[in-house]
Structures are given as structure tokens and as C-alpha cells.
N, C-alpha and C. Protein backbone atom coordinates (compact mmCIF):
# COMPACT_ATOMS: atom_id res chain seq x y z
N MET A 1 35.98 0.45 -22.17
CA MET A 1 34.56 0.75 -22.29
C MET A 1 34.25 0.80 -20.98
N SER A 2 33.86 1.77 -20.49
CA SER A 2 33.28 2.20 -19.24
C SER A 2 31.72 2.48 -19.00
N LYS A 3 31.48 2.10 -18.09
CA LYS A 3 30.08 1.85 -17.53
C LYS A 3 29.43 2.90 -17.93
N PRO A 4 28.00 3.04 -18.21
CA PRO A 4 27.28 4.25 -18.09
C PRO A 4 26.83 4.74 -16.78
N ALA A 5 27.36 6.37 -16.66
CA ALA A 5 26.75 6.83 -15.68
C ALA A 5 25.51 6.08 -14.94
N ARG A 6 25.50 6.20 -13.62
CA ARG A 6 24.10 5.50 -12.96
C ARG A 6 23.17 6.61 -12.29
N LYS A 7 22.28 6.98 -12.85
CA LYS A 7 20.85 7.65 -12.00
C LYS A 7 20.87 7.52 -10.78
N THR A 8 20.61 8.92 -10.55
CA THR A 8 20.62 8.91 -8.98
C THR A 8 19.72 9.66 -8.65
N ARG A 9 18.69 9.32 -7.46
CA ARG A 9 17.21 9.92 -7.53
C ARG A 9 17.84 11.62 -6.27
N THR A 10 17.13 12.00 -6.87
CA THR A 10 17.23 13.61 -5.72
C THR A 10 16.29 13.23 -4.58
N LEU A 11 16.42 13.26 -3.31
CA LEU A 11 15.11 13.11 -2.33
C LEU A 11 15.08 14.48 -1.81
N ARG A 12 13.86 14.74 -1.54
CA ARG A 12 13.92 16.16 -0.83
C ARG A 12 13.86 16.18 0.55
N SER A 13 13.52 15.14 1.21
CA SER A 13 13.85 15.30 2.64
C SER A 13 13.55 13.62 3.20
N THR A 14 13.64 13.17 4.03
CA THR A 14 13.94 12.09 4.97
C THR A 14 13.02 11.71 6.13
N ARG A 15 12.03 11.16 6.32
CA ARG A 15 11.18 11.00 7.27
C ARG A 15 11.91 9.49 8.21
N LEU A 16 11.44 9.36 9.32
CA LEU A 16 11.57 9.10 10.09
C LEU A 16 10.34 8.49 11.18
N ILE A 17 9.94 7.41 11.24
CA ILE A 17 8.76 6.99 11.90
C ILE A 17 9.30 5.62 13.05
N ILE A 18 9.05 5.83 14.43
CA ILE A 18 9.64 4.86 15.20
C ILE A 18 8.05 4.40 15.96
N CYS A 19 8.15 3.02 15.59
CA CYS A 19 6.70 2.35 16.02
C CYS A 19 6.74 1.67 17.46
N GLU A 20 6.29 1.48 18.18
CA GLU A 20 6.22 1.18 19.37
C GLU A 20 6.99 -0.22 19.57
N GLY A 21 5.88 -1.09 18.91
CA GLY A 21 6.38 -2.47 18.61
C GLY A 21 6.14 -3.06 17.04
N ILE A 22 6.72 -4.42 17.08
CA ILE A 22 6.53 -4.64 15.94
C ILE A 22 5.19 -5.30 15.09
N SER A 23 4.18 -5.06 15.70
CA SER A 23 2.82 -5.19 15.61
C SER A 23 2.31 -3.91 14.73
N ASP A 24 3.07 -2.51 15.54
CA ASP A 24 2.48 -1.20 15.15
C ASP A 24 3.26 -1.13 13.83
N LYS A 25 4.75 -1.64 13.67
CA LYS A 25 5.32 -1.20 12.83
C LYS A 25 5.00 -2.10 11.62
N LYS A 26 3.86 -3.22 11.49
CA LYS A 26 3.62 -4.05 10.30
C LYS A 26 2.01 -3.15 9.53
N PHE A 27 1.72 -2.87 11.11
CA PHE A 27 0.55 -1.80 10.07
C PHE A 27 1.02 -0.68 9.42
N VAL A 28 1.98 0.28 9.78
CA VAL A 28 2.54 1.19 9.48
C VAL A 28 3.18 0.94 7.92
N GLU A 29 3.42 -0.20 7.66
CA GLU A 29 4.52 -0.69 6.57
C GLU A 29 3.20 -0.89 5.76
N ARG A 30 2.18 -1.51 6.13
CA ARG A 30 0.90 -1.63 5.53
C ARG A 30 0.36 0.11 4.51
N ILE A 31 0.14 0.64 5.53
CA ILE A 31 -0.22 1.92 5.18
C ILE A 31 0.87 2.47 3.85
N LYS A 32 2.04 2.36 4.47
CA LYS A 32 3.32 3.11 3.29
C LYS A 32 3.08 2.20 2.11
N THR A 33 2.72 1.15 2.09
CA THR A 33 2.48 0.34 0.88
C THR A 33 1.60 0.99 -0.11
N LEU A 34 0.22 1.59 0.86
CA LEU A 34 -0.53 1.75 -0.32
C LEU A 34 -0.50 3.09 -0.53
N TYR A 35 0.29 3.75 0.27
CA TYR A 35 0.04 5.17 0.02
C TYR A 35 2.11 5.91 -0.69
N HIS A 36 2.51 5.42 -0.20
CA HIS A 36 3.98 6.10 -0.60
C HIS A 36 4.78 5.59 -1.74
N PRO A 37 4.21 6.28 -3.13
CA PRO A 37 4.85 5.83 -4.13
C PRO A 37 6.06 5.72 -4.46
N ARG A 38 6.81 5.20 -4.93
CA ARG A 38 8.51 5.29 -5.12
C ARG A 38 9.08 6.25 -5.40
N ASN A 39 7.98 7.07 -6.52
CA ASN A 39 8.71 8.80 -6.91
C ASN A 39 8.20 9.99 -6.22
N ALA A 40 8.12 9.57 -4.88
CA ALA A 40 7.55 10.59 -4.29
C ALA A 40 8.74 11.72 -3.74
N GLY A 41 10.17 11.42 -3.98
CA GLY A 41 10.76 12.51 -4.05
C GLY A 41 11.22 12.61 -2.07
N PHE A 42 10.60 11.49 -1.44
CA PHE A 42 10.90 11.69 -0.21
C PHE A 42 11.14 10.17 0.08
N SER A 43 11.96 9.88 1.14
CA SER A 43 11.91 8.69 1.91
C SER A 43 11.27 8.46 3.10
N VAL A 44 11.03 7.26 3.48
CA VAL A 44 10.27 6.87 5.04
C VAL A 44 10.79 5.72 5.51
N LYS A 45 11.54 6.04 6.64
CA LYS A 45 12.15 4.95 7.36
C LYS A 45 11.50 4.45 8.19
N ILE A 46 11.24 3.53 8.70
CA ILE A 46 10.13 2.60 9.68
C ILE A 46 11.23 1.90 10.61
N ASP A 47 10.87 2.12 11.39
CA ASP A 47 11.74 1.20 12.48
C ASP A 47 11.05 0.80 13.91
N GLU A 48 11.33 0.25 14.66
CA GLU A 48 10.52 -0.44 15.85
C GLU A 48 11.26 -0.15 17.27
N ALA A 49 10.60 0.14 18.45
CA ALA A 49 11.30 0.40 19.22
C ALA A 49 10.99 -0.75 20.47
N GLY A 50 10.82 -2.02 20.21
CA GLY A 50 11.10 -3.05 20.95
C GLY A 50 9.94 -2.96 22.19
N GLY A 51 9.00 -2.40 21.95
CA GLY A 51 8.14 -2.32 23.29
C GLY A 51 8.39 -1.51 24.16
N GLY A 52 8.08 -1.30 25.13
CA GLY A 52 8.59 -0.70 26.27
C GLY A 52 7.84 0.56 26.79
N GLY A 53 6.81 1.01 25.79
CA GLY A 53 6.06 2.25 26.02
C GLY A 53 6.83 3.26 25.35
N PRO A 54 6.10 4.96 25.79
CA PRO A 54 6.38 5.98 25.09
C PRO A 54 7.78 6.45 25.74
N LYS A 55 8.42 5.88 26.96
CA LYS A 55 9.66 6.52 26.95
C LYS A 55 10.61 6.22 25.97
N THR A 56 10.43 4.99 25.98
CA THR A 56 11.46 3.88 25.22
C THR A 56 11.25 4.40 23.67
N ALA A 57 10.33 4.43 22.83
CA ALA A 57 10.17 4.95 21.65
C ALA A 57 10.48 6.12 21.59
N ILE A 58 10.35 7.16 22.57
CA ILE A 58 10.85 8.63 22.34
C ILE A 58 12.41 8.74 22.50
N GLN A 59 13.03 7.84 23.24
CA GLN A 59 14.50 7.80 23.35
C GLN A 59 15.07 7.19 22.01
N ARG A 60 14.05 5.89 21.29
CA ARG A 60 14.59 5.57 20.30
C ARG A 60 14.90 6.78 19.10
N ALA A 61 13.61 7.26 19.21
CA ALA A 61 13.53 8.41 18.17
C ALA A 61 14.83 9.25 17.95
N ILE A 62 14.93 9.60 19.24
CA ILE A 62 16.12 10.99 19.69
C ILE A 62 17.45 10.26 19.25
N ASN A 63 17.28 9.08 19.73
CA ASN A 63 19.32 8.63 19.53
C ASN A 63 19.07 7.86 18.27
N TYR A 64 18.22 7.68 17.24
CA TYR A 64 18.19 6.90 16.17
C TYR A 64 19.46 8.07 15.14
N LEU A 65 20.09 6.86 14.64
CA LEU A 65 21.66 7.49 13.67
C LEU A 65 20.87 7.86 12.28
N GLY A 66 21.62 8.84 12.10
CA GLY A 66 20.58 9.61 10.65
C GLY A 66 20.11 11.14 10.40
N ASP A 67 20.48 11.94 9.69
CA ASP A 67 19.66 13.26 9.48
C ASP A 67 18.42 13.07 8.94
N PHE A 68 17.78 13.25 9.88
CA PHE A 68 16.12 12.79 9.17
C PHE A 68 15.45 14.29 9.14
N ASP A 69 14.56 14.83 8.33
CA ASP A 69 13.91 16.24 8.13
C ASP A 69 12.95 15.98 9.32
N GLN A 70 12.46 14.84 9.49
CA GLN A 70 11.00 14.76 9.96
C GLN A 70 11.21 13.42 10.93
N LYS A 71 10.59 13.65 12.21
CA LYS A 71 10.41 12.29 12.88
C LYS A 71 9.32 12.22 13.82
N TYR A 72 8.75 11.10 13.81
CA TYR A 72 7.35 10.49 14.20
C TYR A 72 7.59 9.30 15.45
N ILE A 73 6.99 9.42 16.17
CA ILE A 73 6.98 8.07 16.73
C ILE A 73 4.93 7.57 16.98
N TYR A 74 4.82 6.58 16.79
CA TYR A 74 3.55 6.20 16.60
C TYR A 74 3.48 4.93 18.05
N ILE A 75 2.78 5.04 18.80
CA ILE A 75 2.39 4.49 19.67
C ILE A 75 1.23 4.14 20.53
N ASP A 76 0.78 3.18 21.73
CA ASP A 76 -0.50 3.34 21.99
C ASP A 76 -0.90 4.38 22.88
N SER A 77 -1.80 4.35 23.22
CA SER A 77 -2.04 5.51 24.15
C SER A 77 -2.77 4.83 25.56
N ASP A 78 -2.43 3.77 25.79
CA ASP A 78 -2.77 3.17 27.19
C ASP A 78 -1.92 3.78 28.21
N LEU A 79 -0.73 3.58 27.82
CA LEU A 79 0.34 4.32 28.84
C LEU A 79 0.52 6.10 28.90
N ALA A 80 0.32 6.75 29.73
CA ALA A 80 0.78 8.22 29.74
C ALA A 80 2.00 8.52 29.43
N ILE A 81 2.15 9.42 28.67
CA ILE A 81 3.46 10.14 28.26
C ILE A 81 3.84 11.10 29.63
N SER A 82 4.93 10.84 30.22
CA SER A 82 5.42 11.40 31.31
C SER A 82 5.53 13.10 30.56
N ALA A 83 5.41 14.12 31.75
CA ALA A 83 5.71 15.27 31.21
C ALA A 83 7.29 15.89 30.79
N THR A 84 8.23 14.83 31.30
CA THR A 84 9.68 15.07 30.71
C THR A 84 9.91 14.29 29.31
N ASP A 85 9.34 12.99 29.42
CA ASP A 85 9.42 12.69 27.79
C ASP A 85 8.80 13.24 26.82
N ARG A 86 7.59 13.85 27.02
CA ARG A 86 7.00 14.68 26.23
C ARG A 86 7.70 16.28 25.48
N LYS A 87 8.29 16.74 26.69
CA LYS A 87 8.82 18.25 26.11
C LYS A 87 10.06 17.34 25.81
N ALA A 88 10.97 16.30 26.08
CA ALA A 88 12.06 15.63 25.04
C ALA A 88 11.73 15.66 23.78
N ALA A 89 10.58 15.15 23.40
CA ALA A 89 9.83 15.08 21.74
C ALA A 89 10.10 16.22 21.19
N GLU A 90 9.15 17.02 22.51
CA GLU A 90 8.99 18.69 21.64
C GLU A 90 10.42 19.29 21.37
N ARG A 91 11.04 19.27 22.18
CA ARG A 91 12.11 20.10 22.05
C ARG A 91 13.23 19.52 20.56
N ARG A 92 13.12 18.31 20.11
CA ARG A 92 13.73 17.88 18.89
C ARG A 92 12.57 17.57 18.08
N ASN A 93 11.43 18.09 18.13
CA ASN A 93 10.30 18.28 17.06
C ASN A 93 9.99 16.99 16.41
N ILE A 94 9.74 15.98 17.73
CA ILE A 94 9.46 14.85 17.12
C ILE A 94 7.91 14.72 17.28
N HIS A 95 7.14 14.17 16.57
CA HIS A 95 5.62 14.23 16.43
C HIS A 95 5.07 13.35 16.75
N ILE A 96 4.23 13.39 17.88
CA ILE A 96 3.59 11.87 18.08
C ILE A 96 2.10 11.73 17.95
N ILE A 97 1.81 10.26 17.66
CA ILE A 97 0.99 9.73 16.70
C ILE A 97 0.41 8.67 17.69
N GLN A 98 -0.74 8.98 18.47
CA GLN A 98 -1.27 7.38 19.50
C GLN A 98 -2.43 6.96 18.74
N SER A 99 -2.67 5.06 19.08
CA SER A 99 -3.55 4.83 18.38
C SER A 99 -4.77 4.69 19.83
N GLU A 100 -5.88 4.88 18.96
CA GLU A 100 -7.15 5.14 19.98
C GLU A 100 -7.91 3.90 19.36
N PRO A 101 -8.85 3.56 20.20
CA PRO A 101 -8.80 3.37 21.56
C PRO A 101 -7.64 2.67 21.96
N PHE A 102 -6.79 3.16 23.15
CA PHE A 102 -6.19 2.60 23.76
C PHE A 102 -4.83 1.98 23.03
N CYS A 103 -4.98 1.12 21.91
CA CYS A 103 -3.97 0.61 21.44
C CYS A 103 -4.00 -0.10 19.96
N LEU A 104 -3.10 -0.43 19.39
CA LEU A 104 -3.14 -0.90 17.63
C LEU A 104 -4.15 -1.75 17.76
N GLU A 105 -4.93 -2.53 18.40
CA GLU A 105 -5.98 -3.66 18.08
C GLU A 105 -6.86 -2.77 18.50
N GLY A 106 -7.60 -2.01 19.32
CA GLY A 106 -8.25 -1.10 19.35
C GLY A 106 -8.62 -0.22 18.23
N LEU A 107 -7.37 0.68 17.24
CA LEU A 107 -7.75 1.12 16.27
C LEU A 107 -8.11 0.03 15.40
N LEU A 108 -7.79 -0.96 15.40
CA LEU A 108 -8.30 -1.51 14.22
C LEU A 108 -9.42 -2.25 14.42
N LEU A 109 -10.06 -2.50 15.74
CA LEU A 109 -11.15 -2.62 15.63
C LEU A 109 -12.01 -1.77 14.72
N LYS A 110 -11.96 -0.51 15.07
CA LYS A 110 -12.23 0.50 14.84
C LYS A 110 -12.19 0.92 13.43
N ILE A 111 -11.27 0.62 12.51
CA ILE A 111 -11.01 0.43 10.98
C ILE A 111 -12.03 -0.66 10.80
N THR A 112 -12.63 -1.77 11.14
CA THR A 112 -13.54 -3.09 10.84
C THR A 112 -14.66 -2.57 11.16
N ASP A 113 -14.79 -1.37 11.86
CA ASP A 113 -16.32 -1.12 12.24
C ASP A 113 -17.08 -1.60 13.09
N PHE A 114 -16.24 -1.91 14.14
CA PHE A 114 -16.66 -2.85 15.40
C PHE A 114 -17.64 -1.95 16.06
N PRO A 115 -18.36 -2.17 16.49
CA PRO A 115 -19.87 -1.12 16.73
C PRO A 115 -19.64 -0.63 18.45
N ARG A 116 -19.41 -1.43 19.09
CA ARG A 116 -19.11 -1.31 20.78
C ARG A 116 -17.55 -0.61 20.95
N GLU A 117 -17.72 0.16 22.36
CA GLU A 117 -16.59 0.50 23.08
C GLU A 117 -15.88 -0.74 23.44
N VAL A 118 -14.30 -0.47 23.84
CA VAL A 118 -13.79 -1.70 24.79
C VAL A 118 -13.26 -1.13 25.84
N ALA A 119 -12.96 -2.20 26.72
CA ALA A 119 -12.56 -1.61 27.90
C ALA A 119 -11.25 -1.17 28.15
N ASN A 120 -10.24 -2.16 27.68
CA ASN A 120 -9.12 -1.45 27.79
C ASN A 120 -8.16 -2.31 26.47
N SER A 121 -6.67 -2.59 26.53
CA SER A 121 -6.16 -3.08 25.47
C SER A 121 -6.29 -4.34 25.42
N GLN A 122 -6.49 -4.98 26.50
CA GLN A 122 -6.36 -6.58 26.92
C GLN A 122 -7.73 -7.04 26.38
N ASN A 123 -8.77 -6.12 26.46
CA ASN A 123 -10.06 -6.40 25.93
C ASN A 123 -9.94 -6.17 24.52
N ALA A 124 -9.57 -5.46 23.81
CA ALA A 124 -9.08 -5.28 22.69
C ALA A 124 -8.56 -6.16 21.91
N LYS A 125 -7.54 -6.69 22.19
CA LYS A 125 -6.89 -7.92 21.97
C LYS A 125 -7.58 -8.87 21.70
N GLU A 126 -8.35 -9.43 23.12
CA GLU A 126 -9.08 -10.26 22.61
C GLU A 126 -10.31 -10.55 21.49
N ILE A 127 -11.07 -9.37 21.62
CA ILE A 127 -12.06 -8.97 20.82
C ILE A 127 -11.73 -9.18 19.09
N LEU A 128 -10.69 -8.56 18.83
CA LEU A 128 -9.85 -8.60 17.38
C LEU A 128 -9.40 -9.82 17.06
N PHE A 129 -8.93 -10.46 17.89
CA PHE A 129 -8.24 -11.99 17.71
C PHE A 129 -9.47 -12.85 17.94
N GLY A 130 -10.61 -12.72 18.59
CA GLY A 130 -11.45 -13.61 18.63
C GLY A 130 -12.24 -13.35 17.37
N GLN A 131 -12.67 -12.50 17.09
CA GLN A 131 -13.42 -12.17 15.84
C GLN A 131 -12.93 -12.40 14.25
N HIS A 132 -11.55 -12.09 14.75
CA HIS A 132 -11.18 -12.32 13.40
C HIS A 132 -10.30 -13.80 13.17
N GLY A 133 -10.39 -14.48 14.04
CA GLY A 133 -9.68 -15.93 13.99
C GLY A 133 -7.98 -15.98 14.38
N LEU A 134 -7.65 -14.98 14.63
CA LEU A 134 -6.10 -14.55 14.65
C LEU A 134 -5.86 -15.43 15.98
N THR A 135 -4.81 -15.52 16.52
CA THR A 135 -3.84 -16.26 17.16
C THR A 135 -3.24 -15.14 17.96
N THR A 136 -1.87 -15.08 18.01
CA THR A 136 -1.15 -13.56 18.82
C THR A 136 -1.15 -12.58 18.06
N VAL A 137 -1.17 -12.69 16.90
CA VAL A 137 -0.43 -11.45 15.99
C VAL A 137 -1.78 -11.33 14.84
N VAL A 138 -1.54 -10.17 14.33
CA VAL A 138 -2.44 -9.37 13.09
C VAL A 138 -1.15 -10.14 11.87
N THR A 139 -2.07 -10.95 10.90
CA THR A 139 -1.05 -11.74 9.88
C THR A 139 -0.97 -10.58 9.00
N GLU A 140 0.22 -10.88 8.07
CA GLU A 140 -0.16 -9.59 6.72
C GLU A 140 -1.47 -9.93 5.81
N ALA A 141 -2.03 -11.05 5.58
CA ALA A 141 -2.97 -11.86 5.27
C ALA A 141 -3.93 -10.88 5.09
N TRP A 142 -4.62 -10.91 6.54
CA TRP A 142 -5.32 -9.81 7.52
C TRP A 142 -5.40 -8.79 7.11
N TYR A 143 -4.10 -7.95 7.04
CA TYR A 143 -3.44 -6.21 6.58
C TYR A 143 -4.08 -6.45 5.04
N GLU A 144 -4.14 -7.18 4.35
CA GLU A 144 -4.47 -7.09 2.87
C GLU A 144 -5.91 -7.20 2.76
N GLU A 145 -6.68 -7.87 3.50
CA GLU A 145 -7.96 -8.01 3.33
C GLU A 145 -8.73 -6.73 4.03
N ASN A 146 -8.54 -6.50 4.99
CA ASN A 146 -8.74 -5.83 5.59
C ASN A 146 -8.20 -4.06 5.73
N ILE A 147 -7.41 -3.92 5.16
CA ILE A 147 -6.76 -2.33 5.23
C ILE A 147 -6.66 -2.42 3.78
N THR A 148 -7.87 -1.71 3.26
CA THR A 148 -7.60 -1.26 2.01
C THR A 148 -7.54 0.21 1.76
N CYS A 149 -7.36 0.45 0.71
CA CYS A 149 -6.96 1.96 0.04
C CYS A 149 -8.67 2.12 0.19
N GLN A 150 -9.84 1.46 -0.19
CA GLN A 150 -11.16 2.32 0.03
C GLN A 150 -11.37 2.23 0.93
N ARG A 151 -11.37 1.41 2.22
CA ARG A 151 -11.80 1.65 3.28
C ARG A 151 -10.89 2.64 4.41
N LEU A 152 -9.77 2.86 3.68
CA LEU A 152 -8.98 3.81 4.66
C LEU A 152 -9.63 5.39 4.25
N ASN A 153 -10.05 5.62 2.78
CA ASN A 153 -10.14 6.75 2.19
C ASN A 153 -11.37 6.97 2.85
N THR A 154 -12.35 6.00 2.70
CA THR A 154 -13.68 6.39 3.40
C THR A 154 -13.67 6.70 5.07
N ILE A 155 -13.08 6.10 5.65
CA ILE A 155 -12.60 6.61 7.07
C ILE A 155 -12.16 8.33 7.23
N CYS A 156 -10.96 8.07 6.20
CA CYS A 156 -10.39 9.49 6.61
C CYS A 156 -11.65 10.84 5.73
N ALA A 157 -12.05 10.26 5.04
CA ALA A 157 -13.34 11.51 4.66
C ALA A 157 -14.25 11.48 5.31
N SER A 158 -14.41 11.00 6.28
CA SER A 158 -15.74 10.89 7.11
C SER A 158 -15.18 11.53 8.52
N LYS A 159 -16.07 12.86 8.83
CA LYS A 159 -15.62 13.89 10.11
C LYS A 159 -15.88 13.11 11.16
N ASN A 160 -16.64 12.11 11.48
CA ASN A 160 -17.13 11.43 12.82
C ASN A 160 -16.73 10.10 13.02
N HIS A 161 -15.78 9.36 12.07
CA HIS A 161 -15.26 8.13 12.11
C HIS A 161 -14.24 8.18 13.28
N ALA A 162 -14.19 7.48 14.58
CA ALA A 162 -13.51 7.42 15.57
C ALA A 162 -12.06 6.92 14.88
N ALA A 163 -11.81 6.37 13.84
CA ALA A 163 -10.07 6.26 13.36
C ALA A 163 -9.80 7.19 12.93
N GLY A 164 -10.32 7.86 11.82
CA GLY A 164 -10.34 9.18 10.88
C GLY A 164 -9.01 9.90 11.80
N PRO A 165 -8.74 10.38 12.46
CA PRO A 165 -7.61 11.38 13.24
C PRO A 165 -6.11 10.81 13.11
N VAL A 166 -6.45 9.23 13.58
CA VAL A 166 -5.02 8.69 13.64
C VAL A 166 -4.70 8.47 12.18
N LEU A 167 -5.78 7.51 11.38
CA LEU A 167 -5.45 7.30 10.02
C LEU A 167 -4.69 8.53 9.06
N THR A 168 -5.44 9.66 9.61
CA THR A 168 -4.96 10.72 8.70
C THR A 168 -3.69 11.03 9.29
N ALA A 169 -3.19 11.31 9.75
CA ALA A 169 -1.83 11.57 10.75
C ALA A 169 -1.03 10.52 10.36
N LEU A 170 -1.36 9.43 10.29
CA LEU A 170 -0.11 8.54 9.67
C LEU A 170 -0.38 8.32 8.29
N ILE A 171 -0.72 8.59 7.48
CA ILE A 171 -1.10 8.50 6.15
C ILE A 171 -0.21 9.87 5.45
N ALA A 172 -0.32 11.00 6.23
CA ALA A 172 0.14 12.43 6.15
C ALA A 172 1.77 11.79 5.91
N ILE A 173 1.85 10.97 6.83
CA ILE A 173 3.57 11.18 6.70
C ILE A 173 4.18 10.50 5.48
N PHE A 174 3.14 9.76 4.83
CA PHE A 174 4.09 9.09 3.46
C PHE A 174 3.34 9.66 2.12
N VAL A 175 2.65 10.79 2.04
CA VAL A 175 2.37 11.58 1.00
C VAL A 175 2.92 12.91 1.26
N ASP A 176 3.07 13.27 0.10
CA ASP A 176 3.46 14.64 -0.30
C ASP A 176 2.20 15.70 -0.85
N ILE A 177 2.01 16.55 -0.30
CA ILE A 177 0.43 17.32 -1.20
C ILE A 177 0.92 17.25 -2.91
N SER A 178 2.35 17.44 -3.16
CA SER A 178 2.43 17.58 -5.20
C SER A 178 2.42 15.97 -5.21
N THR A 179 2.61 15.25 -4.55
CA THR A 179 2.73 13.78 -5.14
C THR A 179 1.24 12.62 -4.60
N LEU A 180 0.46 13.55 -4.36
CA LEU A 180 -0.78 13.02 -3.55
C LEU A 180 -1.62 12.06 -4.51
N ASN A 181 -1.69 12.60 -5.34
CA ASN A 181 -2.31 12.48 -6.74
C ASN A 181 -1.76 10.90 -7.36
N ASN A 182 -0.34 10.85 -7.31
CA ASN A 182 0.27 9.81 -7.94
C ASN A 182 0.32 8.88 -7.25
N SER A 183 0.05 8.65 -6.01
CA SER A 183 -0.26 7.49 -4.89
C SER A 183 -1.13 6.82 -5.81
N SER A 184 -0.40 5.11 -5.82
CA SER A 184 -1.75 4.65 -6.26
C SER A 184 -3.07 3.84 -5.89
N CYS A 185 -2.45 4.31 -4.33
CA CYS A 185 -4.09 4.39 -3.61
C CYS A 185 -4.79 5.41 -3.97
N MET A 186 -4.52 6.87 -4.27
CA MET A 186 -4.93 7.84 -4.38
C MET A 186 -6.09 7.54 -5.57
N LYS A 187 -4.89 7.48 -6.73
CA LYS A 187 -5.60 7.08 -8.23
C LYS A 187 -6.55 6.03 -7.99
N ALA A 188 -6.41 4.65 -7.12
CA ALA A 188 -7.44 3.89 -7.10
C ALA A 188 -9.10 4.32 -6.40
N ALA A 189 -8.64 5.20 -5.46
CA ALA A 189 -9.86 5.91 -4.88
C ALA A 189 -10.69 6.72 -5.57
N THR A 190 -9.79 7.43 -6.59
CA THR A 190 -10.72 8.63 -7.64
C THR A 190 -11.07 7.56 -8.65
N GLN A 191 -10.95 6.51 -8.94
CA GLN A 191 -11.26 6.26 -10.39
C GLN A 191 -12.72 5.22 -9.78
């Protein structure tokens, strides 16, 4: 007796997102958990460049093995992207998404409605970690408590929220218009 034929899923496309570092990767993985349904019809691979700034992330995306229909990098905005690196990304159709203000921690402060401006990346880290009782990294438990469908959907729906454009760009990587309403996060938001 032979084994029954195994069902295979047909993927319409594959996407790659390279994050600047491991903290950025954990944040993007949280967004994927909330917005990317298993039956989306496309896959999203998330990896990180090990720090090193824009150049390292762009080179990692350029040299990443595999055939991807779309490539993205998610990096901090505290370091300028050189014209050469920006052109290299554009030539290879790599989309660049940058945290505002300055870094991931600055973005997380804005997501949690921190009312004041931050001076720089170090200031954002000090405020975030101090205000939320974190040590040196944002924990998975913190993400589960603070990065929720309701919060992200509200921010994206607001025209004036500082975190809106970055979140909208990141969420768009994980949803397809035809499957948007199948996302468990979107279902929860409409109920």
C-alpha cells in the first residue's frame, strides 16, 4: 500500500524582509504573528543583518540566497543611507522602511503614546527601558502586552499618529488585499 499523495500549497509569491538587528527582527515577527494568516498564499521570510547600519542591511538583502519576488529592509533612521547604498537598493528593487523617530525604541515609544519627543536613539532606549521596567531588550511578553491588533489598527487608521506610516508599511508586507479580511488580526479588529 502506498502513501497517500501529500497536499502541497501553492504560493503566489515570496517576500524577504531583512531587519537591521535582532530586536528589530523580534518586532517584525510580532507583526507577522498578528497579520500574516497561514493561508495567505505567499510566504514572508524574516532575517536580520546583525547590526552594522544601513549598508550592512542592504548588502545582506542583495546577497541573500533564494529567489524572492519582493525584498524589504527595516532599519533605524539615526544613520544616513549613502547615495551609493540607496542606489544599490533601488536597482535591485529593495524597499527601505525606517523606524521613526531614530530607532525601534523611538517607534515603540510612539506606539505606546509617549507624549514627548526623544533626543536621539540612546535617549529613546533609556526612556523605553526605564518607563517599562525593561533591562536591555524588549521582551516577548512586553510585545504581547503592548503590540496588539487593536492598538496597531487604531494607529494605522489615524491620519496624524507619528507611528502610522511605519506601521502601515510594515503591515503591508504581511497582508495581501485579497486575504486582508482573513487575517485573524483584521477579523478581531472588525468585531
